[in-house]
PDBML (XML) file of the C-alpha atoms, coordinates in Angstrom:
<?xml version="1.0" encoding="UTF-8" ?>
<PDBx:datablock datablockName="MODEL"
   xmlns:PDBx="http://pdbml.pdb.org/schema/pdbx-v50.xsd"
   xmlns:xsi="http://www.w3.org/2001/XMLSchema-instance"
   xsi:schemaLocation="http://pdbml.pdb.org/schema/pdbx-v50.xsd pdbx-v50.xsd">
   <PDBx:atom_siteCategory>
      <PDBx:atom_site id="1">
         <PDBx:B_iso_or_equiv>0.00</PDBx:B_iso_or_equiv>
         <PDBx:Cartn_x>-42.035</PDBx:Cartn_x>
         <PDBx:Cartn_y>-36.433</PDBx:Cartn_y>
         <PDBx:Cartn_z>-110.499</PDBx:Cartn_z>
         <PDBx:auth_asym_id>A</PDBx:auth_asym_id>
         <PDBx:auth_atom_id>CA</PDBx:auth_atom_id>
         <PDBx:auth_comp_id>GLY</PDBx:auth_comp_id>
         <PDBx:auth_seq_id>1</PDBx:auth_seq_id>
         <PDBx:group_PDB>ATOM</PDBx:group_PDB>
         <PDBx:label_alt_id xsi:nil="true" />
         <PDBx:label_asym_id>A</PDBx:label_asym_id>
         <PDBx:label_atom_id>CA</PDBx:label_atom_id>
         <PDBx:label_comp_id>GLY</PDBx:label_comp_id>
         <PDBx:label_entity_id>1</PDBx:label_entity_id>
         <PDBx:label_seq_id>1</PDBx:label_seq_id>
         <PDBx:occupancy>1.00</PDBx:occupancy>
         <PDBx:pdbx_PDB_model_num>1</PDBx:pdbx_PDB_model_num>
         <PDBx:type_symbol>C</PDBx:type_symbol>
      </PDBx:atom_site>
      <PDBx:atom_site id="2">
         <PDBx:B_iso_or_equiv>0.00</PDBx:B_iso_or_equiv>
         <PDBx:Cartn_x>-38.649</PDBx:Cartn_x>
         <PDBx:Cartn_y>-35.820</PDBx:Cartn_y>
         <PDBx:Cartn_z>-108.893</PDBx:Cartn_z>
         <PDBx:auth_asym_id>A</PDBx:auth_asym_id>
         <PDBx:auth_atom_id>CA</PDBx:auth_atom_id>
         <PDBx:auth_comp_id>LEU</PDBx:auth_comp_id>
         <PDBx:auth_seq_id>2</PDBx:auth_seq_id>
         <PDBx:group_PDB>ATOM</PDBx:group_PDB>
         <PDBx:label_alt_id xsi:nil="true" />
         <PDBx:label_asym_id>A</PDBx:label_asym_id>
         <PDBx:label_atom_id>CA</PDBx:label_atom_id>
         <PDBx:label_comp_id>LEU</PDBx:label_comp_id>
         <PDBx:label_entity_id>1</PDBx:label_entity_id>
         <PDBx:label_seq_id>2</PDBx:label_seq_id>
         <PDBx:occupancy>1.00</PDBx:occupancy>
         <PDBx:pdbx_PDB_model_num>1</PDBx:pdbx_PDB_model_num>
         <PDBx:type_symbol>C</PDBx:type_symbol>
      </PDBx:atom_site>
      <PDBx:atom_site id="3">
         <PDBx:B_iso_or_equiv>0.00</PDBx:B_iso_or_equiv>
         <PDBx:Cartn_x>-39.676</PDBx:Cartn_x>
         <PDBx:Cartn_y>-37.621</PDBx:Cartn_y>
         <PDBx:Cartn_z>-105.697</PDBx:Cartn_z>
         <PDBx:auth_asym_id>A</PDBx:auth_asym_id>
         <PDBx:auth_atom_id>CA</PDBx:auth_atom_id>
         <PDBx:auth_comp_id>HIS</PDBx:auth_comp_id>
         <PDBx:auth_seq_id>3</PDBx:auth_seq_id>
         <PDBx:group_PDB>ATOM</PDBx:group_PDB>
         <PDBx:label_alt_id xsi:nil="true" />
         <PDBx:label_asym_id>A</PDBx:label_asym_id>
         <PDBx:label_atom_id>CA</PDBx:label_atom_id>
         <PDBx:label_comp_id>HIS</PDBx:label_comp_id>
         <PDBx:label_entity_id>1</PDBx:label_entity_id>
         <PDBx:label_seq_id>3</PDBx:label_seq_id>
         <PDBx:occupancy>1.00</PDBx:occupancy>
         <PDBx:pdbx_PDB_model_num>1</PDBx:pdbx_PDB_model_num>
         <PDBx:type_symbol>C</PDBx:type_symbol>
      </PDBx:atom_site>
      <PDBx:atom_site id="4">
         <PDBx:B_iso_or_equiv>0.00</PDBx:B_iso_or_equiv>
         <PDBx:Cartn_x>-40.669</PDBx:Cartn_x>
         <PDBx:Cartn_y>-40.690</PDBx:Cartn_y>
         <PDBx:Cartn_z>-107.725</PDBx:Cartn_z>
         <PDBx:auth_asym_id>A</PDBx:auth_asym_id>
         <PDBx:auth_atom_id>CA</PDBx:auth_atom_id>
         <PDBx:auth_comp_id>LEU</PDBx:auth_comp_id>
         <PDBx:auth_seq_id>4</PDBx:auth_seq_id>
         <PDBx:group_PDB>ATOM</PDBx:group_PDB>
         <PDBx:label_alt_id xsi:nil="true" />
         <PDBx:label_asym_id>A</PDBx:label_asym_id>
         <PDBx:label_atom_id>CA</PDBx:label_atom_id>
         <PDBx:label_comp_id>LEU</PDBx:label_comp_id>
         <PDBx:label_entity_id>1</PDBx:label_entity_id>
         <PDBx:label_seq_id>4</PDBx:label_seq_id>
         <PDBx:occupancy>1.00</PDBx:occupancy>
         <PDBx:pdbx_PDB_model_num>1</PDBx:pdbx_PDB_model_num>
         <PDBx:type_symbol>C</PDBx:type_symbol>
      </PDBx:atom_site>
      <PDBx:atom_site id="5">
         <PDBx:B_iso_or_equiv>0.00</PDBx:B_iso_or_equiv>
         <PDBx:Cartn_x>-37.567</PDBx:Cartn_x>
         <PDBx:Cartn_y>-40.440</PDBx:Cartn_y>
         <PDBx:Cartn_z>-109.907</PDBx:Cartn_z>
         <PDBx:auth_asym_id>A</PDBx:auth_asym_id>
         <PDBx:auth_atom_id>CA</PDBx:auth_atom_id>
         <PDBx:auth_comp_id>SER</PDBx:auth_comp_id>
         <PDBx:auth_seq_id>5</PDBx:auth_seq_id>
         <PDBx:group_PDB>ATOM</PDBx:group_PDB>
         <PDBx:label_alt_id xsi:nil="true" />
         <PDBx:label_asym_id>A</PDBx:label_asym_id>
         <PDBx:label_atom_id>CA</PDBx:label_atom_id>
         <PDBx:label_comp_id>SER</PDBx:label_comp_id>
         <PDBx:label_entity_id>1</PDBx:label_entity_id>
         <PDBx:label_seq_id>5</PDBx:label_seq_id>
         <PDBx:occupancy>1.00</PDBx:occupancy>
         <PDBx:pdbx_PDB_model_num>1</PDBx:pdbx_PDB_model_num>
         <PDBx:type_symbol>C</PDBx:type_symbol>
      </PDBx:atom_site>
      <PDBx:atom_site id="6">
         <PDBx:B_iso_or_equiv>0.00</PDBx:B_iso_or_equiv>
         <PDBx:Cartn_x>-35.290</PDBx:Cartn_x>
         <PDBx:Cartn_y>-40.469</PDBx:Cartn_y>
         <PDBx:Cartn_z>-106.867</PDBx:Cartn_z>
         <PDBx:auth_asym_id>A</PDBx:auth_asym_id>
         <PDBx:auth_atom_id>CA</PDBx:auth_atom_id>
         <PDBx:auth_comp_id>GLN</PDBx:auth_comp_id>
         <PDBx:auth_seq_id>6</PDBx:auth_seq_id>
         <PDBx:group_PDB>ATOM</PDBx:group_PDB>
         <PDBx:label_alt_id xsi:nil="true" />
         <PDBx:label_asym_id>A</PDBx:label_asym_id>
         <PDBx:label_atom_id>CA</PDBx:label_atom_id>
         <PDBx:label_comp_id>GLN</PDBx:label_comp_id>
         <PDBx:label_entity_id>1</PDBx:label_entity_id>
         <PDBx:label_seq_id>6</PDBx:label_seq_id>
         <PDBx:occupancy>1.00</PDBx:occupancy>
         <PDBx:pdbx_PDB_model_num>1</PDBx:pdbx_PDB_model_num>
         <PDBx:type_symbol>C</PDBx:type_symbol>
      </PDBx:atom_site>
      <PDBx:atom_site id="7">
         <PDBx:B_iso_or_equiv>0.00</PDBx:B_iso_or_equiv>
         <PDBx:Cartn_x>-37.116</PDBx:Cartn_x>
         <PDBx:Cartn_y>-43.439</PDBx:Cartn_y>
         <PDBx:Cartn_z>-105.331</PDBx:Cartn_z>
         <PDBx:auth_asym_id>A</PDBx:auth_asym_id>
         <PDBx:auth_atom_id>CA</PDBx:auth_atom_id>
         <PDBx:auth_comp_id>LYS</PDBx:auth_comp_id>
         <PDBx:auth_seq_id>7</PDBx:auth_seq_id>
         <PDBx:group_PDB>ATOM</PDBx:group_PDB>
         <PDBx:label_alt_id xsi:nil="true" />
         <PDBx:label_asym_id>A</PDBx:label_asym_id>
         <PDBx:label_atom_id>CA</PDBx:label_atom_id>
         <PDBx:label_comp_id>LYS</PDBx:label_comp_id>
         <PDBx:label_entity_id>1</PDBx:label_entity_id>
         <PDBx:label_seq_id>7</PDBx:label_seq_id>
         <PDBx:occupancy>1.00</PDBx:occupancy>
         <PDBx:pdbx_PDB_model_num>1</PDBx:pdbx_PDB_model_num>
         <PDBx:type_symbol>C</PDBx:type_symbol>
      </PDBx:atom_site>
      <PDBx:atom_site id="8">
         <PDBx:B_iso_or_equiv>0.00</PDBx:B_iso_or_equiv>
         <PDBx:Cartn_x>-37.033</PDBx:Cartn_x>
         <PDBx:Cartn_y>-45.394</PDBx:Cartn_y>
         <PDBx:Cartn_z>-108.584</PDBx:Cartn_z>
         <PDBx:auth_asym_id>A</PDBx:auth_asym_id>
         <PDBx:auth_atom_id>CA</PDBx:auth_atom_id>
         <PDBx:auth_comp_id>LEU</PDBx:auth_comp_id>
         <PDBx:auth_seq_id>8</PDBx:auth_seq_id>
         <PDBx:group_PDB>ATOM</PDBx:group_PDB>
         <PDBx:label_alt_id xsi:nil="true" />
         <PDBx:label_asym_id>A</PDBx:label_asym_id>
         <PDBx:label_atom_id>CA</PDBx:label_atom_id>
         <PDBx:label_comp_id>LEU</PDBx:label_comp_id>
         <PDBx:label_entity_id>1</PDBx:label_entity_id>
         <PDBx:label_seq_id>8</PDBx:label_seq_id>
         <PDBx:occupancy>1.00</PDBx:occupancy>
         <PDBx:pdbx_PDB_model_num>1</PDBx:pdbx_PDB_model_num>
         <PDBx:type_symbol>C</PDBx:type_symbol>
      </PDBx:atom_site>
      <PDBx:atom_site id="9">
         <PDBx:B_iso_or_equiv>0.00</PDBx:B_iso_or_equiv>
         <PDBx:Cartn_x>-33.323</PDBx:Cartn_x>
         <PDBx:Cartn_y>-44.651</PDBx:Cartn_y>
         <PDBx:Cartn_z>-109.086</PDBx:Cartn_z>
         <PDBx:auth_asym_id>A</PDBx:auth_asym_id>
         <PDBx:auth_atom_id>CA</PDBx:auth_atom_id>
         <PDBx:auth_comp_id>ALA</PDBx:auth_comp_id>
         <PDBx:auth_seq_id>9</PDBx:auth_seq_id>
         <PDBx:group_PDB>ATOM</PDBx:group_PDB>
         <PDBx:label_alt_id xsi:nil="true" />
         <PDBx:label_asym_id>A</PDBx:label_asym_id>
         <PDBx:label_atom_id>CA</PDBx:label_atom_id>
         <PDBx:label_comp_id>ALA</PDBx:label_comp_id>
         <PDBx:label_entity_id>1</PDBx:label_entity_id>
         <PDBx:label_seq_id>9</PDBx:label_seq_id>
         <PDBx:occupancy>1.00</PDBx:occupancy>
         <PDBx:pdbx_PDB_model_num>1</PDBx:pdbx_PDB_model_num>
         <PDBx:type_symbol>C</PDBx:type_symbol>
      </PDBx:atom_site>
      <PDBx:atom_site id="10">
         <PDBx:B_iso_or_equiv>0.00</PDBx:B_iso_or_equiv>
         <PDBx:Cartn_x>-32.533</PDBx:Cartn_x>
         <PDBx:Cartn_y>-45.817</PDBx:Cartn_y>
         <PDBx:Cartn_z>-105.561</PDBx:Cartn_z>
         <PDBx:auth_asym_id>A</PDBx:auth_asym_id>
         <PDBx:auth_atom_id>CA</PDBx:auth_atom_id>
         <PDBx:auth_comp_id>GLN</PDBx:auth_comp_id>
         <PDBx:auth_seq_id>10</PDBx:auth_seq_id>
         <PDBx:group_PDB>ATOM</PDBx:group_PDB>
         <PDBx:label_alt_id xsi:nil="true" />
         <PDBx:label_asym_id>A</PDBx:label_asym_id>
         <PDBx:label_atom_id>CA</PDBx:label_atom_id>
         <PDBx:label_comp_id>GLN</PDBx:label_comp_id>
         <PDBx:label_entity_id>1</PDBx:label_entity_id>
         <PDBx:label_seq_id>10</PDBx:label_seq_id>
         <PDBx:occupancy>1.00</PDBx:occupancy>
         <PDBx:pdbx_PDB_model_num>1</PDBx:pdbx_PDB_model_num>
         <PDBx:type_symbol>C</PDBx:type_symbol>
      </PDBx:atom_site>
      <PDBx:atom_site id="11">
         <PDBx:B_iso_or_equiv>0.00</PDBx:B_iso_or_equiv>
         <PDBx:Cartn_x>-34.579</PDBx:Cartn_x>
         <PDBx:Cartn_y>-48.960</PDBx:Cartn_y>
         <PDBx:Cartn_z>-106.166</PDBx:Cartn_z>
         <PDBx:auth_asym_id>A</PDBx:auth_asym_id>
         <PDBx:auth_atom_id>CA</PDBx:auth_atom_id>
         <PDBx:auth_comp_id>LEU</PDBx:auth_comp_id>
         <PDBx:auth_seq_id>11</PDBx:auth_seq_id>
         <PDBx:group_PDB>ATOM</PDBx:group_PDB>
         <PDBx:label_alt_id xsi:nil="true" />
         <PDBx:label_asym_id>A</PDBx:label_asym_id>
         <PDBx:label_atom_id>CA</PDBx:label_atom_id>
         <PDBx:label_comp_id>LEU</PDBx:label_comp_id>
         <PDBx:label_entity_id>1</PDBx:label_entity_id>
         <PDBx:label_seq_id>11</PDBx:label_seq_id>
         <PDBx:occupancy>1.00</PDBx:occupancy>
         <PDBx:pdbx_PDB_model_num>1</PDBx:pdbx_PDB_model_num>
         <PDBx:type_symbol>C</PDBx:type_symbol>
      </PDBx:atom_site>
      <PDBx:atom_site id="12">
         <PDBx:B_iso_or_equiv>0.00</PDBx:B_iso_or_equiv>
         <PDBx:Cartn_x>-32.219</PDBx:Cartn_x>
         <PDBx:Cartn_y>-49.738</PDBx:Cartn_y>
         <PDBx:Cartn_z>-109.059</PDBx:Cartn_z>
         <PDBx:auth_asym_id>A</PDBx:auth_asym_id>
         <PDBx:auth_atom_id>CA</PDBx:auth_atom_id>
         <PDBx:auth_comp_id>MET</PDBx:auth_comp_id>
         <PDBx:auth_seq_id>12</PDBx:auth_seq_id>
         <PDBx:group_PDB>ATOM</PDBx:group_PDB>
         <PDBx:label_alt_id xsi:nil="true" />
         <PDBx:label_asym_id>A</PDBx:label_asym_id>
         <PDBx:label_atom_id>CA</PDBx:label_atom_id>
         <PDBx:label_comp_id>MET</PDBx:label_comp_id>
         <PDBx:label_entity_id>1</PDBx:label_entity_id>
         <PDBx:label_seq_id>12</PDBx:label_seq_id>
         <PDBx:occupancy>1.00</PDBx:occupancy>
         <PDBx:pdbx_PDB_model_num>1</PDBx:pdbx_PDB_model_num>
         <PDBx:type_symbol>C</PDBx:type_symbol>
      </PDBx:atom_site>
      <PDBx:atom_site id="13">
         <PDBx:B_iso_or_equiv>0.00</PDBx:B_iso_or_equiv>
         <PDBx:Cartn_x>-29.056</PDBx:Cartn_x>
         <PDBx:Cartn_y>-48.979</PDBx:Cartn_y>
         <PDBx:Cartn_z>-107.087</PDBx:Cartn_z>
         <PDBx:auth_asym_id>A</PDBx:auth_asym_id>
         <PDBx:auth_atom_id>CA</PDBx:auth_atom_id>
         <PDBx:auth_comp_id>GLY</PDBx:auth_comp_id>
         <PDBx:auth_seq_id>13</PDBx:auth_seq_id>
         <PDBx:group_PDB>ATOM</PDBx:group_PDB>
         <PDBx:label_alt_id xsi:nil="true" />
         <PDBx:label_asym_id>A</PDBx:label_asym_id>
         <PDBx:label_atom_id>CA</PDBx:label_atom_id>
         <PDBx:label_comp_id>GLY</PDBx:label_comp_id>
         <PDBx:label_entity_id>1</PDBx:label_entity_id>
         <PDBx:label_seq_id>13</PDBx:label_seq_id>
         <PDBx:occupancy>1.00</PDBx:occupancy>
         <PDBx:pdbx_PDB_model_num>1</PDBx:pdbx_PDB_model_num>
         <PDBx:type_symbol>C</PDBx:type_symbol>
      </PDBx:atom_site>
      <PDBx:atom_site id="14">
         <PDBx:B_iso_or_equiv>0.00</PDBx:B_iso_or_equiv>
         <PDBx:Cartn_x>-28.589</PDBx:Cartn_x>
         <PDBx:Cartn_y>-45.453</PDBx:Cartn_y>
         <PDBx:Cartn_z>-108.388</PDBx:Cartn_z>
         <PDBx:auth_asym_id>A</PDBx:auth_asym_id>
         <PDBx:auth_atom_id>CA</PDBx:auth_atom_id>
         <PDBx:auth_comp_id>GLY</PDBx:auth_comp_id>
         <PDBx:auth_seq_id>14</PDBx:auth_seq_id>
         <PDBx:group_PDB>ATOM</PDBx:group_PDB>
         <PDBx:label_alt_id xsi:nil="true" />
         <PDBx:label_asym_id>A</PDBx:label_asym_id>
         <PDBx:label_atom_id>CA</PDBx:label_atom_id>
         <PDBx:label_comp_id>GLY</PDBx:label_comp_id>
         <PDBx:label_entity_id>1</PDBx:label_entity_id>
         <PDBx:label_seq_id>14</PDBx:label_seq_id>
         <PDBx:occupancy>1.00</PDBx:occupancy>
         <PDBx:pdbx_PDB_model_num>1</PDBx:pdbx_PDB_model_num>
         <PDBx:type_symbol>C</PDBx:type_symbol>
      </PDBx:atom_site>
      <PDBx:atom_site id="15">
         <PDBx:B_iso_or_equiv>0.00</PDBx:B_iso_or_equiv>
         <PDBx:Cartn_x>-29.411</PDBx:Cartn_x>
         <PDBx:Cartn_y>-41.857</PDBx:Cartn_y>
         <PDBx:Cartn_z>-107.505</PDBx:Cartn_z>
         <PDBx:auth_asym_id>A</PDBx:auth_asym_id>
         <PDBx:auth_atom_id>CA</PDBx:auth_atom_id>
         <PDBx:auth_comp_id>ALA</PDBx:auth_comp_id>
         <PDBx:auth_seq_id>15</PDBx:auth_seq_id>
         <PDBx:group_PDB>ATOM</PDBx:group_PDB>
         <PDBx:label_alt_id xsi:nil="true" />
         <PDBx:label_asym_id>A</PDBx:label_asym_id>
         <PDBx:label_atom_id>CA</PDBx:label_atom_id>
         <PDBx:label_comp_id>ALA</PDBx:label_comp_id>
         <PDBx:label_entity_id>1</PDBx:label_entity_id>
         <PDBx:label_seq_id>15</PDBx:label_seq_id>
         <PDBx:occupancy>1.00</PDBx:occupancy>
         <PDBx:pdbx_PDB_model_num>1</PDBx:pdbx_PDB_model_num>
         <PDBx:type_symbol>C</PDBx:type_symbol>
      </PDBx:atom_site>
      <PDBx:atom_site id="16">
         <PDBx:B_iso_or_equiv>0.00</PDBx:B_iso_or_equiv>
         <PDBx:Cartn_x>-30.651</PDBx:Cartn_x>
         <PDBx:Cartn_y>-38.584</PDBx:Cartn_y>
         <PDBx:Cartn_z>-108.943</PDBx:Cartn_z>
         <PDBx:auth_asym_id>A</PDBx:auth_asym_id>
         <PDBx:auth_atom_id>CA</PDBx:auth_atom_id>
         <PDBx:auth_comp_id>VAL</PDBx:auth_comp_id>
         <PDBx:auth_seq_id>16</PDBx:auth_seq_id>
         <PDBx:group_PDB>ATOM</PDBx:group_PDB>
         <PDBx:label_alt_id xsi:nil="true" />
         <PDBx:label_asym_id>A</PDBx:label_asym_id>
         <PDBx:label_atom_id>CA</PDBx:label_atom_id>
         <PDBx:label_comp_id>VAL</PDBx:label_comp_id>
         <PDBx:label_entity_id>1</PDBx:label_entity_id>
         <PDBx:label_seq_id>16</PDBx:label_seq_id>
         <PDBx:occupancy>1.00</PDBx:occupancy>
         <PDBx:pdbx_PDB_model_num>1</PDBx:pdbx_PDB_model_num>
         <PDBx:type_symbol>C</PDBx:type_symbol>
      </PDBx:atom_site>
      <PDBx:atom_site id="17">
         <PDBx:B_iso_or_equiv>0.00</PDBx:B_iso_or_equiv>
         <PDBx:Cartn_x>-28.581</PDBx:Cartn_x>
         <PDBx:Cartn_y>-35.438</PDBx:Cartn_y>
         <PDBx:Cartn_z>-108.289</PDBx:Cartn_z>
         <PDBx:auth_asym_id>A</PDBx:auth_asym_id>
         <PDBx:auth_atom_id>CA</PDBx:auth_atom_id>
         <PDBx:auth_comp_id>SER</PDBx:auth_comp_id>
         <PDBx:auth_seq_id>17</PDBx:auth_seq_id>
         <PDBx:group_PDB>ATOM</PDBx:group_PDB>
         <PDBx:label_alt_id xsi:nil="true" />
         <PDBx:label_asym_id>A</PDBx:label_asym_id>
         <PDBx:label_atom_id>CA</PDBx:label_atom_id>
         <PDBx:label_comp_id>SER</PDBx:label_comp_id>
         <PDBx:label_entity_id>1</PDBx:label_entity_id>
         <PDBx:label_seq_id>17</PDBx:label_seq_id>
         <PDBx:occupancy>1.00</PDBx:occupancy>
         <PDBx:pdbx_PDB_model_num>1</PDBx:pdbx_PDB_model_num>
         <PDBx:type_symbol>C</PDBx:type_symbol>
      </PDBx:atom_site>
      <PDBx:atom_site id="18">
         <PDBx:B_iso_or_equiv>0.00</PDBx:B_iso_or_equiv>
         <PDBx:Cartn_x>-28.598</PDBx:Cartn_x>
         <PDBx:Cartn_y>-31.808</PDBx:Cartn_y>
         <PDBx:Cartn_z>-109.360</PDBx:Cartn_z>
         <PDBx:auth_asym_id>A</PDBx:auth_asym_id>
         <PDBx:auth_atom_id>CA</PDBx:auth_atom_id>
         <PDBx:auth_comp_id>LEU</PDBx:auth_comp_id>
         <PDBx:auth_seq_id>18</PDBx:auth_seq_id>
         <PDBx:group_PDB>ATOM</PDBx:group_PDB>
         <PDBx:label_alt_id xsi:nil="true" />
         <PDBx:label_asym_id>A</PDBx:label_asym_id>
         <PDBx:label_atom_id>CA</PDBx:label_atom_id>
         <PDBx:label_comp_id>LEU</PDBx:label_comp_id>
         <PDBx:label_entity_id>1</PDBx:label_entity_id>
         <PDBx:label_seq_id>18</PDBx:label_seq_id>
         <PDBx:occupancy>1.00</PDBx:occupancy>
         <PDBx:pdbx_PDB_model_num>1</PDBx:pdbx_PDB_model_num>
         <PDBx:type_symbol>C</PDBx:type_symbol>
      </PDBx:atom_site>
      <PDBx:atom_site id="19">
         <PDBx:B_iso_or_equiv>0.00</PDBx:B_iso_or_equiv>
         <PDBx:Cartn_x>-26.709</PDBx:Cartn_x>
         <PDBx:Cartn_y>-28.559</PDBx:Cartn_y>
         <PDBx:Cartn_z>-109.592</PDBx:Cartn_z>
         <PDBx:auth_asym_id>A</PDBx:auth_asym_id>
         <PDBx:auth_atom_id>CA</PDBx:auth_atom_id>
         <PDBx:auth_comp_id>THR</PDBx:auth_comp_id>
         <PDBx:auth_seq_id>19</PDBx:auth_seq_id>
         <PDBx:group_PDB>ATOM</PDBx:group_PDB>
         <PDBx:label_alt_id xsi:nil="true" />
         <PDBx:label_asym_id>A</PDBx:label_asym_id>
         <PDBx:label_atom_id>CA</PDBx:label_atom_id>
         <PDBx:label_comp_id>THR</PDBx:label_comp_id>
         <PDBx:label_entity_id>1</PDBx:label_entity_id>
         <PDBx:label_seq_id>19</PDBx:label_seq_id>
         <PDBx:occupancy>1.00</PDBx:occupancy>
         <PDBx:pdbx_PDB_model_num>1</PDBx:pdbx_PDB_model_num>
         <PDBx:type_symbol>C</PDBx:type_symbol>
      </PDBx:atom_site>
      <PDBx:atom_site id="20">
         <PDBx:B_iso_or_equiv>0.00</PDBx:B_iso_or_equiv>
         <PDBx:Cartn_x>-28.383</PDBx:Cartn_x>
         <PDBx:Cartn_y>-25.250</PDBx:Cartn_y>
         <PDBx:Cartn_z>-110.377</PDBx:Cartn_z>
         <PDBx:auth_asym_id>A</PDBx:auth_asym_id>
         <PDBx:auth_atom_id>CA</PDBx:auth_atom_id>
         <PDBx:auth_comp_id>SER</PDBx:auth_comp_id>
         <PDBx:auth_seq_id>20</PDBx:auth_seq_id>
         <PDBx:group_PDB>ATOM</PDBx:group_PDB>
         <PDBx:label_alt_id xsi:nil="true" />
         <PDBx:label_asym_id>A</PDBx:label_asym_id>
         <PDBx:label_atom_id>CA</PDBx:label_atom_id>
         <PDBx:label_comp_id>SER</PDBx:label_comp_id>
         <PDBx:label_entity_id>1</PDBx:label_entity_id>
         <PDBx:label_seq_id>20</PDBx:label_seq_id>
         <PDBx:occupancy>1.00</PDBx:occupancy>
         <PDBx:pdbx_PDB_model_num>1</PDBx:pdbx_PDB_model_num>
         <PDBx:type_symbol>C</PDBx:type_symbol>
      </PDBx:atom_site>
      <PDBx:atom_site id="21">
         <PDBx:B_iso_or_equiv>0.00</PDBx:B_iso_or_equiv>
         <PDBx:Cartn_x>-27.536</PDBx:Cartn_x>
         <PDBx:Cartn_y>-21.598</PDBx:Cartn_y>
         <PDBx:Cartn_z>-110.886</PDBx:Cartn_z>
         <PDBx:auth_asym_id>A</PDBx:auth_asym_id>
         <PDBx:auth_atom_id>CA</PDBx:auth_atom_id>
         <PDBx:auth_comp_id>ASP</PDBx:auth_comp_id>
         <PDBx:auth_seq_id>21</PDBx:auth_seq_id>
         <PDBx:group_PDB>ATOM</PDBx:group_PDB>
         <PDBx:label_alt_id xsi:nil="true" />
         <PDBx:label_asym_id>A</PDBx:label_asym_id>
         <PDBx:label_atom_id>CA</PDBx:label_atom_id>
         <PDBx:label_comp_id>ASP</PDBx:label_comp_id>
         <PDBx:label_entity_id>1</PDBx:label_entity_id>
         <PDBx:label_seq_id>21</PDBx:label_seq_id>
         <PDBx:occupancy>1.00</PDBx:occupancy>
         <PDBx:pdbx_PDB_model_num>1</PDBx:pdbx_PDB_model_num>
         <PDBx:type_symbol>C</PDBx:type_symbol>
      </PDBx:atom_site>
      <PDBx:atom_site id="22">
         <PDBx:B_iso_or_equiv>0.00</PDBx:B_iso_or_equiv>
         <PDBx:Cartn_x>-30.670</PDBx:Cartn_x>
         <PDBx:Cartn_y>-19.573</PDBx:Cartn_y>
         <PDBx:Cartn_z>-110.196</PDBx:Cartn_z>
         <PDBx:auth_asym_id>A</PDBx:auth_asym_id>
         <PDBx:auth_atom_id>CA</PDBx:auth_atom_id>
         <PDBx:auth_comp_id>TYR</PDBx:auth_comp_id>
         <PDBx:auth_seq_id>22</PDBx:auth_seq_id>
         <PDBx:group_PDB>ATOM</PDBx:group_PDB>
         <PDBx:label_alt_id xsi:nil="true" />
         <PDBx:label_asym_id>A</PDBx:label_asym_id>
         <PDBx:label_atom_id>CA</PDBx:label_atom_id>
         <PDBx:label_comp_id>TYR</PDBx:label_comp_id>
         <PDBx:label_entity_id>1</PDBx:label_entity_id>
         <PDBx:label_seq_id>22</PDBx:label_seq_id>
         <PDBx:occupancy>1.00</PDBx:occupancy>
         <PDBx:pdbx_PDB_model_num>1</PDBx:pdbx_PDB_model_num>
         <PDBx:type_symbol>C</PDBx:type_symbol>
      </PDBx:atom_site>
      <PDBx:atom_site id="23">
         <PDBx:B_iso_or_equiv>0.00</PDBx:B_iso_or_equiv>
         <PDBx:Cartn_x>-31.695</PDBx:Cartn_x>
         <PDBx:Cartn_y>-17.555</PDBx:Cartn_y>
         <PDBx:Cartn_z>-113.219</PDBx:Cartn_z>
         <PDBx:auth_asym_id>A</PDBx:auth_asym_id>
         <PDBx:auth_atom_id>CA</PDBx:auth_atom_id>
         <PDBx:auth_comp_id>GLY</PDBx:auth_comp_id>
         <PDBx:auth_seq_id>23</PDBx:auth_seq_id>
         <PDBx:group_PDB>ATOM</PDBx:group_PDB>
         <PDBx:label_alt_id xsi:nil="true" />
         <PDBx:label_asym_id>A</PDBx:label_asym_id>
         <PDBx:label_atom_id>CA</PDBx:label_atom_id>
         <PDBx:label_comp_id>GLY</PDBx:label_comp_id>
         <PDBx:label_entity_id>1</PDBx:label_entity_id>
         <PDBx:label_seq_id>23</PDBx:label_seq_id>
         <PDBx:occupancy>1.00</PDBx:occupancy>
         <PDBx:pdbx_PDB_model_num>1</PDBx:pdbx_PDB_model_num>
         <PDBx:type_symbol>C</PDBx:type_symbol>
      </PDBx:atom_site>
      <PDBx:atom_site id="24">
         <PDBx:B_iso_or_equiv>0.00</PDBx:B_iso_or_equiv>
         <PDBx:Cartn_x>-29.233</PDBx:Cartn_x>
         <PDBx:Cartn_y>-19.334</PDBx:Cartn_y>
         <PDBx:Cartn_z>-115.514</PDBx:Cartn_z>
         <PDBx:auth_asym_id>A</PDBx:auth_asym_id>
         <PDBx:auth_atom_id>CA</PDBx:auth_atom_id>
         <PDBx:auth_comp_id>LYS</PDBx:auth_comp_id>
         <PDBx:auth_seq_id>24</PDBx:auth_seq_id>
         <PDBx:group_PDB>ATOM</PDBx:group_PDB>
         <PDBx:label_alt_id xsi:nil="true" />
         <PDBx:label_asym_id>A</PDBx:label_asym_id>
         <PDBx:label_atom_id>CA</PDBx:label_atom_id>
         <PDBx:label_comp_id>LYS</PDBx:label_comp_id>
         <PDBx:label_entity_id>1</PDBx:label_entity_id>
         <PDBx:label_seq_id>24</PDBx:label_seq_id>
         <PDBx:occupancy>1.00</PDBx:occupancy>
         <PDBx:pdbx_PDB_model_num>1</PDBx:pdbx_PDB_model_num>
         <PDBx:type_symbol>C</PDBx:type_symbol>
      </PDBx:atom_site>
   </PDBx:atom_siteCategory>
</PDBx:datablock>
C-alpha cells in the first residue's frame, strides 16, 4: 500500500512523507 502510494504520488508530481513517535 505505502509503496504504491509513493509511486502514484510521484507519478502525479507529488510525494508521500511521514513523521512518527513510536508508541504515540
